[in-house]
Amino acid sequence: AGGIADKDWERALKAAAKPNIQKKGSLNEFGMGMKCAAYWFSRKWA
């Protein structure tokens, strides 16, 4: 896919940090999914 640009990089990795553009119905509307899921599976990830 399109990857994560620098402008979204820190928000992508900091838990509880919402994405810049919040559209109703956006799949990552709350900015928590990847981080929550990663740490649920494992304490170490890359």
ModelCIF file with pLDDT and N, C-alpha, C, O atoms, coordinates in Angstrom:
data_MODEL
#
_entry.id   MODEL 
#
_entity.id                         1 
_entity.type                       polymer 
_entity.pdbx_number_of_molecules   1 
#
_entity_poly.entity_id                      1 
_entity_poly.type                           'polypeptide(L)' 
_entity_poly.nstd_linkage                   no 
_entity_poly.nstd_monomer                   no 
_entity_poly.pdbx_seq_one_letter_code       AGGIADKDWERALKAAAKPNIQKKGSLNEFGMGMKCAAYWFSRKWA 
_entity_poly.pdbx_seq_one_letter_code_can   AGGIADKDWERALKAAAKPNIQKKGSLNEFGMGMKCAAYWFSRKWA 
_entity_poly.pdbx_strand_id                 A 
#
loop_
_entity_poly_seq.entity_id 
_entity_poly_seq.num 
_entity_poly_seq.mon_id 
_entity_poly_seq.hetero 
1 1  ALA n 
1 2  GLY n 
1 3  GLY n 
1 4  ILE n 
1 5  ALA n 
1 6  ASP n 
1 7  LYS n 
1 8  ASP n 
1 9  TRP n 
1 10 GLU n 
1 11 ARG n 
1 12 ALA n 
1 13 LEU n 
1 14 LYS n 
1 15 ALA n 
1 16 ALA n 
1 17 ALA n 
1 18 LYS n 
1 19 PRO n 
1 20 ASN n 
1 21 ILE n 
1 22 GLN n 
1 23 LYS n 
1 24 LYS n 
1 25 GLY n 
1 26 SER n 
1 27 LEU n 
1 28 ASN n 
1 29 GLU n 
1 30 PHE n 
1 31 GLY n 
1 32 MET n 
1 33 GLY n 
1 34 MET n 
1 35 LYS n 
1 36 CYS n 
1 37 ALA n 
1 38 ALA n 
1 39 TYR n 
1 40 TRP n 
1 41 PHE n 
1 42 SER n 
1 43 ARG n 
1 44 LYS n 
1 45 TRP n 
1 46 ALA n 
#
_struct_asym.id          A 
_struct_asym.entity_id   1 
#
loop_
_ma_qa_metric.id 
_ma_qa_metric.mode 
_ma_qa_metric.name 
_ma_qa_metric.software_group_id 
_ma_qa_metric.type 
1 global pLDDT . pLDDT 
2 local  pLDDT . pLDDT 
#
_ma_qa_metric_global.metric_id      1 
_ma_qa_metric_global.metric_value   71.24 
_ma_qa_metric_global.model_id       1 
_ma_qa_metric_global.ordinal_id     1 
#
loop_
_ma_qa_metric_local.label_asym_id 
_ma_qa_metric_local.label_comp_id 
_ma_qa_metric_local.label_seq_id 
_ma_qa_metric_local.metric_id 
_ma_qa_metric_local.metric_value 
_ma_qa_metric_local.model_id 
_ma_qa_metric_local.ordinal_id 
A ALA 1  2 96.00 1 1  
A GLY 2  2 96.00 1 2  
A GLY 3  2 96.00 1 3  
A ILE 4  2 95.00 1 4  
A ALA 5  2 94.00 1 5  
A ASP 6  2 92.00 1 6  
A LYS 7  2 90.00 1 7  
A ASP 8  2 88.00 1 8  
A TRP 9  2 86.00 1 9  
A GLU 10 2 81.00 1 10 
A ARG 11 2 80.00 1 11 
A ALA 12 2 81.00 1 12 
A LEU 13 2 78.00 1 13 
A LYS 14 2 67.00 1 14 
A ALA 15 2 57.00 1 15 
A ALA 16 2 49.00 1 16 
A ALA 17 2 47.00 1 17 
A LYS 18 2 49.00 1 18 
A PRO 19 2 46.00 1 19 
A ASN 20 2 47.00 1 20 
A ILE 21 2 44.00 1 21 
A GLN 22 2 45.00 1 22 
A LYS 23 2 46.00 1 23 
A LYS 24 2 42.00 1 24 
A GLY 25 2 43.00 1 25 
A SER 26 2 43.00 1 26 
A LEU 27 2 43.00 1 27 
A ASN 28 2 46.00 1 28 
A GLU 29 2 41.00 1 29 
A PHE 30 2 36.00 1 30 
A GLY 31 2 41.00 1 31 
A MET 32 2 50.00 1 32 
A GLY 33 2 75.00 1 33 
A MET 34 2 85.00 1 34 
A LYS 35 2 84.00 1 35 
A CYS 36 2 82.00 1 36 
A ALA 37 2 88.00 1 37 
A ALA 38 2 91.00 1 38 
A TYR 39 2 87.00 1 39 
A TRP 40 2 89.00 1 40 
A PHE 41 2 92.00 1 41 
A SER 42 2 91.00 1 42 
A ARG 43 2 91.00 1 43 
A LYS 44 2 95.00 1 44 
A TRP 45 2 95.00 1 45 
A ALA 46 2 97.00 1 46 
#
loop_
_atom_site.group_PDB 
_atom_site.id 
_atom_site.type_symbol 
_atom_site.label_atom_id 
_atom_site.label_alt_id 
_atom_site.label_comp_id 
_atom_site.label_asym_id 
_atom_site.label_entity_id 
_atom_site.label_seq_id 
_atom_site.pdbx_PDB_ins_code 
_atom_site.Cartn_x 
_atom_site.Cartn_y 
_atom_site.Cartn_z 
_atom_site.occupancy 
_atom_site.B_iso_or_equiv 
_atom_site.pdbx_formal_charge 
_atom_site.auth_seq_id 
_atom_site.auth_comp_id 
_atom_site.auth_asym_id 
_atom_site.auth_atom_id 
_atom_site.pdbx_PDB_model_num 
ATOM 1   N N  . ALA A 1 1  ? 0.836   -1.199  0.000  1.00 96.00 ? 1  ALA A N  1 
ATOM 2   C CA . ALA A 1 1  ? 0.000   0.000   0.000  1.00 96.00 ? 1  ALA A CA 1 
ATOM 3   C C  . ALA A 1 1  ? 0.874   1.254   0.000  1.00 96.00 ? 1  ALA A C  1 
ATOM 4   O O  . ALA A 1 1  ? 2.030   1.204   -0.420 1.00 96.00 ? 1  ALA A O  1 
ATOM 5   N N  . GLY A 1 2  ? 0.330   2.372   0.467  1.00 96.00 ? 2  GLY A N  1 
ATOM 6   C CA . GLY A 1 2  ? 1.029   3.653   0.360  1.00 96.00 ? 2  GLY A CA 1 
ATOM 7   C C  . GLY A 1 2  ? 2.085   3.927   1.396  1.00 96.00 ? 2  GLY A C  1 
ATOM 8   O O  . GLY A 1 2  ? 2.793   4.929   1.297  1.00 96.00 ? 2  GLY A O  1 
ATOM 9   N N  . GLY A 1 3  ? 2.218   3.053   2.407  1.00 96.00 ? 3  GLY A N  1 
ATOM 10  C CA . GLY A 1 3  ? 3.217   3.262   3.445  1.00 96.00 ? 3  GLY A CA 1 
ATOM 11  C C  . GLY A 1 3  ? 2.859   4.404   4.387  1.00 96.00 ? 3  GLY A C  1 
ATOM 12  O O  . GLY A 1 3  ? 1.812   5.035   4.247  1.00 96.00 ? 3  GLY A O  1 
ATOM 13  N N  . ILE A 1 4  ? 3.745   4.661   5.351  1.00 95.00 ? 4  ILE A N  1 
ATOM 14  C CA . ILE A 1 4  ? 3.519   5.709   6.347  1.00 95.00 ? 4  ILE A CA 1 
ATOM 15  C C  . ILE A 1 4  ? 4.483   6.857   6.099  1.00 95.00 ? 4  ILE A C  1 
ATOM 16  O O  . ILE A 1 4  ? 5.698   6.686   6.201  1.00 95.00 ? 4  ILE A O  1 
ATOM 17  N N  . ALA A 1 5  ? 3.951   8.014   5.777  1.00 94.00 ? 5  ALA A N  1 
ATOM 18  C CA . ALA A 1 5  ? 4.781   9.188   5.497  1.00 94.00 ? 5  ALA A CA 1 
ATOM 19  C C  . ALA A 1 5  ? 5.283   9.816   6.790  1.00 94.00 ? 5  ALA A C  1 
ATOM 20  O O  . ALA A 1 5  ? 4.735   9.561   7.862  1.00 94.00 ? 5  ALA A O  1 
ATOM 21  N N  . ASP A 1 6  ? 6.322   10.634  6.689  1.00 92.00 ? 6  ASP A N  1 
ATOM 22  C CA . ASP A 1 6  ? 6.903   11.277  7.865  1.00 92.00 ? 6  ASP A CA 1 
ATOM 23  C C  . ASP A 1 6  ? 5.870   12.058  8.670  1.00 92.00 ? 6  ASP A C  1 
ATOM 24  O O  . ASP A 1 6  ? 5.924   12.077  9.900  1.00 92.00 ? 6  ASP A O  1 
ATOM 25  N N  . LYS A 1 7  ? 4.938   12.698  7.985  1.00 90.00 ? 7  LYS A N  1 
ATOM 26  C CA . LYS A 1 7  ? 3.953   13.530  8.692  1.00 90.00 ? 7  LYS A CA 1 
ATOM 27  C C  . LYS A 1 7  ? 3.034   12.702  9.582  1.00 90.00 ? 7  LYS A C  1 
ATOM 28  O O  . LYS A 1 7  ? 2.425   13.241  10.506 1.00 90.00 ? 7  LYS A O  1 
ATOM 29  N N  . ASP A 1 8  ? 2.922   11.403  9.321  1.00 88.00 ? 8  ASP A N  1 
ATOM 30  C CA . ASP A 1 8  ? 2.069   10.516  10.117 1.00 88.00 ? 8  ASP A CA 1 
ATOM 31  C C  . ASP A 1 8  ? 2.866   9.534   10.966 1.00 88.00 ? 8  ASP A C  1 
ATOM 32  O O  . ASP A 1 8  ? 2.282   8.745   11.710 1.00 88.00 ? 8  ASP A O  1 
ATOM 33  N N  . TRP A 1 9  ? 4.175   9.572   10.866 1.00 86.00 ? 9  TRP A N  1 
ATOM 34  C CA . TRP A 1 9  ? 5.058   8.564   11.448 1.00 86.00 ? 9  TRP A CA 1 
ATOM 35  C C  . TRP A 1 9  ? 4.925   8.484   12.964 1.00 86.00 ? 9  TRP A C  1 
ATOM 36  O O  . TRP A 1 9  ? 4.731   7.397   13.508 1.00 86.00 ? 9  TRP A O  1 
ATOM 37  N N  . GLU A 1 10 ? 5.024   9.608   13.648 1.00 81.00 ? 10 GLU A N  1 
ATOM 38  C CA . GLU A 1 10 ? 4.963   9.576   15.110 1.00 81.00 ? 10 GLU A CA 1 
ATOM 39  C C  . GLU A 1 10 ? 3.582   9.196   15.610 1.00 81.00 ? 10 GLU A C  1 
ATOM 40  O O  . GLU A 1 10 ? 3.459   8.444   16.576 1.00 81.00 ? 10 GLU A O  1 
ATOM 41  N N  . ARG A 1 11 ? 2.536   9.709   14.962 1.00 80.00 ? 11 ARG A N  1 
ATOM 42  C CA . ARG A 1 11 ? 1.176   9.343   15.365 1.00 80.00 ? 11 ARG A CA 1 
ATOM 43  C C  . ARG A 1 11 ? 0.931   7.855   15.175 1.00 80.00 ? 11 ARG A C  1 
ATOM 44  O O  . ARG A 1 11 ? 0.154   7.252   15.916 1.00 80.00 ? 11 ARG A O  1 
ATOM 45  N N  . ALA A 1 12 ? 1.580   7.267   14.199 1.00 81.00 ? 12 ALA A N  1 
ATOM 46  C CA . ALA A 1 12 ? 1.378   5.840   13.932 1.00 81.00 ? 12 ALA A CA 1 
ATOM 47  C C  . ALA A 1 12 ? 1.933   4.968   15.047 1.00 81.00 ? 12 ALA A C  1 
ATOM 48  O O  . ALA A 1 12 ? 1.443   3.860   15.265 1.00 81.00 ? 12 ALA A O  1 
ATOM 49  N N  . LEU A 1 13 ? 2.955   5.455   15.761 1.00 78.00 ? 13 LEU A N  1 
ATOM 50  C CA . LEU A 1 13 ? 3.626   4.627   16.757 1.00 78.00 ? 13 LEU A CA 1 
ATOM 51  C C  . LEU A 1 13 ? 3.321   4.994   18.192 1.00 78.00 ? 13 LEU A C  1 
ATOM 52  O O  . LEU A 1 13 ? 3.572   4.192   19.093 1.00 78.00 ? 13 LEU A O  1 
ATOM 53  N N  . LYS A 1 14 ? 2.791   6.172   18.434 1.00 67.00 ? 14 LYS A N  1 
ATOM 54  C CA . LYS A 1 14 ? 2.480   6.570   19.800 1.00 67.00 ? 14 LYS A CA 1 
ATOM 55  C C  . LYS A 1 14 ? 1.042   6.213   20.122 1.00 67.00 ? 14 LYS A C  1 
ATOM 56  O O  . LYS A 1 14 ? 0.114   6.702   19.477 1.00 67.00 ? 14 LYS A O  1 
ATOM 57  N N  . ALA A 1 15 ? 0.855   5.359   21.120 1.00 57.00 ? 15 ALA A N  1 
ATOM 58  C CA . ALA A 1 15 ? -0.493  4.945   21.499 1.00 57.00 ? 15 ALA A CA 1 
ATOM 59  C C  . ALA A 1 15 ? -1.280  6.149   22.002 1.00 57.00 ? 15 ALA A C  1 
ATOM 60  O O  . ALA A 1 15 ? -0.738  7.033   22.665 1.00 57.00 ? 15 ALA A O  1 
ATOM 61  N N  . ALA A 1 16 ? -2.565  6.163   21.673 1.00 49.00 ? 16 ALA A N  1 
ATOM 62  C CA . ALA A 1 16 ? -3.499  7.220   22.053 1.00 49.00 ? 16 ALA A CA 1 
ATOM 63  C C  . ALA A 1 16 ? -3.300  8.498   21.254 1.00 49.00 ? 16 ALA A C  1 
ATOM 64  O O  . ALA A 1 16 ? -3.860  9.538   21.601 1.00 49.00 ? 16 ALA A O  1 
ATOM 65  N N  . ALA A 1 17 ? -2.502  8.432   20.177 1.00 47.00 ? 17 ALA A N  1 
ATOM 66  C CA . ALA A 1 17 ? -2.345  9.588   19.297 1.00 47.00 ? 17 ALA A CA 1 
ATOM 67  C C  . ALA A 1 17 ? -3.206  9.373   18.072 1.00 47.00 ? 17 ALA A C  1 
ATOM 68  O O  . ALA A 1 17 ? -2.987  8.418   17.328 1.00 47.00 ? 17 ALA A O  1 
ATOM 69  N N  . LYS A 1 18 ? -4.174  10.234  17.845 1.00 49.00 ? 18 LYS A N  1 
ATOM 70  C CA . LYS A 1 18 ? -5.122  10.058  16.744 1.00 49.00 ? 18 LYS A CA 1 
ATOM 71  C C  . LYS A 1 18 ? -4.526  10.546  15.431 1.00 49.00 ? 18 LYS A C  1 
ATOM 72  O O  . LYS A 1 18 ? -3.667  11.428  15.432 1.00 49.00 ? 18 LYS A O  1 
ATOM 73  N N  . PRO A 1 19 ? -4.978  9.978   14.300 1.00 46.00 ? 19 PRO A N  1 
ATOM 74  C CA . PRO A 1 19 ? -4.494  10.445  13.003 1.00 46.00 ? 19 PRO A CA 1 
ATOM 75  C C  . PRO A 1 19 ? -4.943  11.866  12.726 1.00 46.00 ? 19 PRO A C  1 
ATOM 76  O O  . PRO A 1 19 ? -5.921  12.338  13.305 1.00 46.00 ? 19 PRO A O  1 
ATOM 77  N N  . ASN A 1 20 ? -4.226  12.553  11.837 1.00 47.00 ? 20 ASN A N  1 
ATOM 78  C CA . ASN A 1 20 ? -4.524  13.948  11.496 1.00 47.00 ? 20 ASN A CA 1 
ATOM 79  C C  . ASN A 1 20 ? -5.929  14.119  10.952 1.00 47.00 ? 20 ASN A C  1 
ATOM 80  O O  . ASN A 1 20 ? -6.693  14.961  11.423 1.00 47.00 ? 20 ASN A O  1 
ATOM 81  N N  . ILE A 1 21 ? -6.264  13.304  9.949  1.00 44.00 ? 21 ILE A N  1 
ATOM 82  C CA . ILE A 1 21 ? -7.552  13.439  9.268  1.00 44.00 ? 21 ILE A CA 1 
ATOM 83  C C  . ILE A 1 21 ? -8.525  12.416  9.840  1.00 44.00 ? 21 ILE A C  1 
ATOM 84  O O  . ILE A 1 21 ? -8.310  11.211  9.709  1.00 44.00 ? 21 ILE A O  1 
ATOM 85  N N  . GLN A 1 22 ? -9.572  12.882  10.459 1.00 45.00 ? 22 GLN A N  1 
ATOM 86  C CA . GLN A 1 22 ? -10.530 11.987  11.090 1.00 45.00 ? 22 GLN A CA 1 
ATOM 87  C C  . GLN A 1 22 ? -11.845 12.011  10.320 1.00 45.00 ? 22 GLN A C  1 
ATOM 88  O O  . GLN A 1 22 ? -12.674 12.900  10.512 1.00 45.00 ? 22 GLN A O  1 
ATOM 89  N N  . LYS A 1 23 ? -12.018 11.054  9.474  1.00 46.00 ? 23 LYS A N  1 
ATOM 90  C CA . LYS A 1 23 ? -13.249 10.978  8.708  1.00 46.00 ? 23 LYS A CA 1 
ATOM 91  C C  . LYS A 1 23 ? -14.144 9.906   9.326  1.00 46.00 ? 23 LYS A C  1 
ATOM 92  O O  . LYS A 1 23 ? -13.680 8.818   9.666  1.00 46.00 ? 23 LYS A O  1 
ATOM 93  N N  . LYS A 1 24 ? -15.403 10.218  9.463  1.00 42.00 ? 24 LYS A N  1 
ATOM 94  C CA . LYS A 1 24 ? -16.335 9.242   10.007 1.00 42.00 ? 24 LYS A CA 1 
ATOM 95  C C  . LYS A 1 24 ? -16.364 8.032   9.097  1.00 42.00 ? 24 LYS A C  1 
ATOM 96  O O  . LYS A 1 24 ? -16.561 8.143   7.887  1.00 42.00 ? 24 LYS A O  1 
ATOM 97  N N  . GLY A 1 25 ? -16.157 6.846   9.719  1.00 43.00 ? 25 GLY A N  1 
ATOM 98  C CA . GLY A 1 25 ? -16.148 5.632   8.928  1.00 43.00 ? 25 GLY A CA 1 
ATOM 99  C C  . GLY A 1 25 ? -14.763 5.237   8.458  1.00 43.00 ? 25 GLY A C  1 
ATOM 100 O O  . GLY A 1 25 ? -14.595 4.174   7.860  1.00 43.00 ? 25 GLY A O  1 
ATOM 101 N N  . SER A 1 26 ? -13.762 6.077   8.717  1.00 43.00 ? 26 SER A N  1 
ATOM 102 C CA . SER A 1 26 ? -12.387 5.721   8.358  1.00 43.00 ? 26 SER A CA 1 
ATOM 103 C C  . SER A 1 26 ? -11.972 4.493   9.150  1.00 43.00 ? 26 SER A C  1 
ATOM 104 O O  . SER A 1 26 ? -12.301 4.375   10.330 1.00 43.00 ? 26 SER A O  1 
ATOM 105 N N  . LEU A 1 27 ? -11.253 3.578   8.512  1.00 43.00 ? 27 LEU A N  1 
ATOM 106 C CA . LEU A 1 27 ? -10.888 2.334   9.177  1.00 43.00 ? 27 LEU A CA 1 
ATOM 107 C C  . LEU A 1 27 ? -9.977  2.546   10.373 1.00 43.00 ? 27 LEU A C  1 
ATOM 108 O O  . LEU A 1 27 ? -10.011 1.764   11.324 1.00 43.00 ? 27 LEU A O  1 
ATOM 109 N N  . ASN A 1 28 ? -9.154  3.605   10.337 1.00 46.00 ? 28 ASN A N  1 
ATOM 110 C CA . ASN A 1 28 ? -8.281  3.880   11.486 1.00 46.00 ? 28 ASN A CA 1 
ATOM 111 C C  . ASN A 1 28 ? -8.700  5.182   12.170 1.00 46.00 ? 28 ASN A C  1 
ATOM 112 O O  . ASN A 1 28 ? -7.866  6.010   12.537 1.00 46.00 ? 28 ASN A O  1 
ATOM 113 N N  . GLU A 1 29 ? -9.989  5.334   12.328 1.00 41.00 ? 29 GLU A N  1 
ATOM 114 C CA . GLU A 1 29 ? -10.575 6.566   12.849 1.00 41.00 ? 29 GLU A CA 1 
ATOM 115 C C  . GLU A 1 29 ? -10.015 6.971   14.207 1.00 41.00 ? 29 GLU A C  1 
ATOM 116 O O  . GLU A 1 29 ? -9.840  8.160   14.476 1.00 41.00 ? 29 GLU A O  1 
ATOM 117 N N  . PHE A 1 30 ? -9.733  5.989   15.068 1.00 36.00 ? 30 PHE A N  1 
ATOM 118 C CA . PHE A 1 30 ? -9.323  6.317   16.423 1.00 36.00 ? 30 PHE A CA 1 
ATOM 119 C C  . PHE A 1 30 ? -7.818  6.219   16.653 1.00 36.00 ? 30 PHE A C  1 
ATOM 120 O O  . PHE A 1 30 ? -7.347  6.511   17.752 1.00 36.00 ? 30 PHE A O  1 
ATOM 121 N N  . GLY A 1 31 ? -7.056  5.813   15.641 1.00 41.00 ? 31 GLY A N  1 
ATOM 122 C CA . GLY A 1 31 ? -5.611  5.835   15.728 1.00 41.00 ? 31 GLY A CA 1 
ATOM 123 C C  . GLY A 1 31 ? -5.005  4.859   16.713 1.00 41.00 ? 31 GLY A C  1 
ATOM 124 O O  . GLY A 1 31 ? -3.871  5.063   17.146 1.00 41.00 ? 31 GLY A O  1 
ATOM 125 N N  . MET A 1 32 ? -5.717  3.804   17.085 1.00 50.00 ? 32 MET A N  1 
ATOM 126 C CA . MET A 1 32 ? -5.230  2.881   18.101 1.00 50.00 ? 32 MET A CA 1 
ATOM 127 C C  . MET A 1 32 ? -4.959  1.475   17.575 1.00 50.00 ? 32 MET A C  1 
ATOM 128 O O  . MET A 1 32 ? -4.197  0.732   18.193 1.00 50.00 ? 32 MET A O  1 
ATOM 129 N N  . GLY A 1 33 ? -5.560  1.093   16.454 1.00 75.00 ? 33 GLY A N  1 
ATOM 130 C CA . GLY A 1 33 ? -5.585  -0.297  16.021 1.00 75.00 ? 33 GLY A CA 1 
ATOM 131 C C  . GLY A 1 33 ? -4.257  -1.012  15.966 1.00 75.00 ? 33 GLY A C  1 
ATOM 132 O O  . GLY A 1 33 ? -4.076  -2.028  16.637 1.00 75.00 ? 33 GLY A O  1 
ATOM 133 N N  . MET A 1 34 ? -3.305  -0.499  15.168 1.00 85.00 ? 34 MET A N  1 
ATOM 134 C CA . MET A 1 34 ? -2.041  -1.199  14.973 1.00 85.00 ? 34 MET A CA 1 
ATOM 135 C C  . MET A 1 34 ? -1.277  -1.370  16.274 1.00 85.00 ? 34 MET A C  1 
ATOM 136 O O  . MET A 1 34 ? -0.747  -2.448  16.544 1.00 85.00 ? 34 MET A O  1 
ATOM 137 N N  . LYS A 1 35 ? -1.213  -0.320  17.085 1.00 84.00 ? 35 LYS A N  1 
ATOM 138 C CA . LYS A 1 35 ? -0.438  -0.372  18.317 1.00 84.00 ? 35 LYS A CA 1 
ATOM 139 C C  . LYS A 1 35 ? -1.073  -1.332  19.320 1.00 84.00 ? 35 LYS A C  1 
ATOM 140 O O  . LYS A 1 35 ? -0.378  -2.137  19.940 1.00 84.00 ? 35 LYS A O  1 
ATOM 141 N N  . CYS A 1 36 ? -2.387  -1.246  19.478 1.00 82.00 ? 36 CYS A N  1 
ATOM 142 C CA . CYS A 1 36 ? -3.085  -2.146  20.401 1.00 82.00 ? 36 CYS A CA 1 
ATOM 143 C C  . CYS A 1 36 ? -2.891  -3.601  19.998 1.00 82.00 ? 36 CYS A C  1 
ATOM 144 O O  . CYS A 1 36 ? -2.562  -4.449  20.827 1.00 82.00 ? 36 CYS A O  1 
ATOM 145 N N  . ALA A 1 37 ? -3.100  -3.877  18.716 1.00 88.00 ? 37 ALA A N  1 
ATOM 146 C CA . ALA A 1 37 ? -3.008  -5.246  18.224 1.00 88.00 ? 37 ALA A CA 1 
ATOM 147 C C  . ALA A 1 37 ? -1.588  -5.788  18.343 1.00 88.00 ? 37 ALA A C  1 
ATOM 148 O O  . ALA A 1 37 ? -1.392  -6.944  18.719 1.00 88.00 ? 37 ALA A O  1 
ATOM 149 N N  . ALA A 1 38 ? -0.593  -4.953  18.022 1.00 91.00 ? 38 ALA A N  1 
ATOM 150 C CA . ALA A 1 38 ? 0.799   -5.396  18.081 1.00 91.00 ? 38 ALA A CA 1 
ATOM 151 C C  . ALA A 1 38 ? 1.192   -5.796  19.500 1.00 91.00 ? 38 ALA A C  1 
ATOM 152 O O  . ALA A 1 38 ? 1.774   -6.859  19.713 1.00 91.00 ? 38 ALA A O  1 
ATOM 153 N N  . TYR A 1 39 ? 0.873   -4.943  20.464 1.00 87.00 ? 39 TYR A N  1 
ATOM 154 C CA . TYR A 1 39 ? 1.247   -5.245  21.847 1.00 87.00 ? 39 TYR A CA 1 
ATOM 155 C C  . TYR A 1 39 ? 0.371   -6.327  22.461 1.00 87.00 ? 39 TYR A C  1 
ATOM 156 O O  . TYR A 1 39 ? 0.764   -6.946  23.450 1.00 87.00 ? 39 TYR A O  1 
ATOM 157 N N  . TRP A 1 40 ? -0.807  -6.567  21.896 1.00 89.00 ? 40 TRP A N  1 
ATOM 158 C CA . TRP A 1 40 ? -1.618  -7.693  22.358 1.00 89.00 ? 40 TRP A CA 1 
ATOM 159 C C  . TRP A 1 40 ? -0.955  -9.009  21.967 1.00 89.00 ? 40 TRP A C  1 
ATOM 160 O O  . TRP A 1 40 ? -0.942  -9.966  22.741 1.00 89.00 ? 40 TRP A O  1 
ATOM 161 N N  . PHE A 1 41 ? -0.404  -9.043  20.750 1.00 92.00 ? 41 PHE A N  1 
ATOM 162 C CA . PHE A 1 41 ? 0.288   -10.251 20.291 1.00 92.00 ? 41 PHE A CA 1 
ATOM 163 C C  . PHE A 1 41 ? 1.635   -10.432 20.965 1.00 92.00 ? 41 PHE A C  1 
ATOM 164 O O  . PHE A 1 41 ? 1.990   -11.545 21.352 1.00 92.00 ? 41 PHE A O  1 
ATOM 165 N N  . SER A 1 42 ? 2.385   -9.356  21.107 1.00 91.00 ? 42 SER A N  1 
ATOM 166 C CA . SER A 1 42 ? 3.781   -9.491  21.520 1.00 91.00 ? 42 SER A CA 1 
ATOM 167 C C  . SER A 1 42 ? 4.295   -8.225  22.199 1.00 91.00 ? 42 SER A C  1 
ATOM 168 O O  . SER A 1 42 ? 3.850   -7.118  21.895 1.00 91.00 ? 42 SER A O  1 
ATOM 169 N N  . ARG A 1 43 ? 5.228   -8.403  23.114 1.00 91.00 ? 43 ARG A N  1 
ATOM 170 C CA . ARG A 1 43 ? 5.847   -7.252  23.777 1.00 91.00 ? 43 ARG A CA 1 
ATOM 171 C C  . ARG A 1 43 ? 6.981   -6.683  22.930 1.00 91.00 ? 43 ARG A C  1 
ATOM 172 O O  . ARG A 1 43 ? 7.496   -5.604  23.222 1.00 91.00 ? 43 ARG A O  1 
ATOM 173 N N  . LYS A 1 44 ? 7.375   -7.419  21.869 1.00 95.00 ? 44 LYS A N  1 
ATOM 174 C CA . LYS A 1 44 ? 8.431   -6.941  20.970 1.00 95.00 ? 44 LYS A CA 1 
ATOM 175 C C  . LYS A 1 44 ? 7.957   -7.056  19.525 1.00 95.00 ? 44 LYS A C  1 
ATOM 176 O O  . LYS A 1 44 ? 7.529   -8.123  19.086 1.00 95.00 ? 44 LYS A O  1 
ATOM 177 N N  . TRP A 1 45 ? 8.038   -5.955  18.796 1.00 95.00 ? 45 TRP A N  1 
ATOM 178 C CA . TRP A 1 45 ? 7.652   -5.987  17.390 1.00 95.00 ? 45 TRP A CA 1 
ATOM 179 C C  . TRP A 1 45 ? 8.422   -4.921  16.626 1.00 95.00 ? 45 TRP A C  1 
ATOM 180 O O  . TRP A 1 45 ? 9.010   -4.012  17.212 1.00 95.00 ? 45 TRP A O  1 
ATOM 181 N N  . ALA A 1 46 ? 8.405   -5.052  15.321 1.00 97.00 ? 46 ALA A N  1 
ATOM 182 C CA . ALA A 1 46 ? 9.151   -4.111  14.470 1.00 97.00 ? 46 ALA A CA 1 
ATOM 183 C C  . ALA A 1 46 ? 8.280   -3.682  13.310 1.00 97.00 ? 46 ALA A C  1 
ATOM 184 O O  . ALA A 1 46 ? 8.714   -2.891  12.472 1.00 97.00 ? 46 ALA A O  1 
#
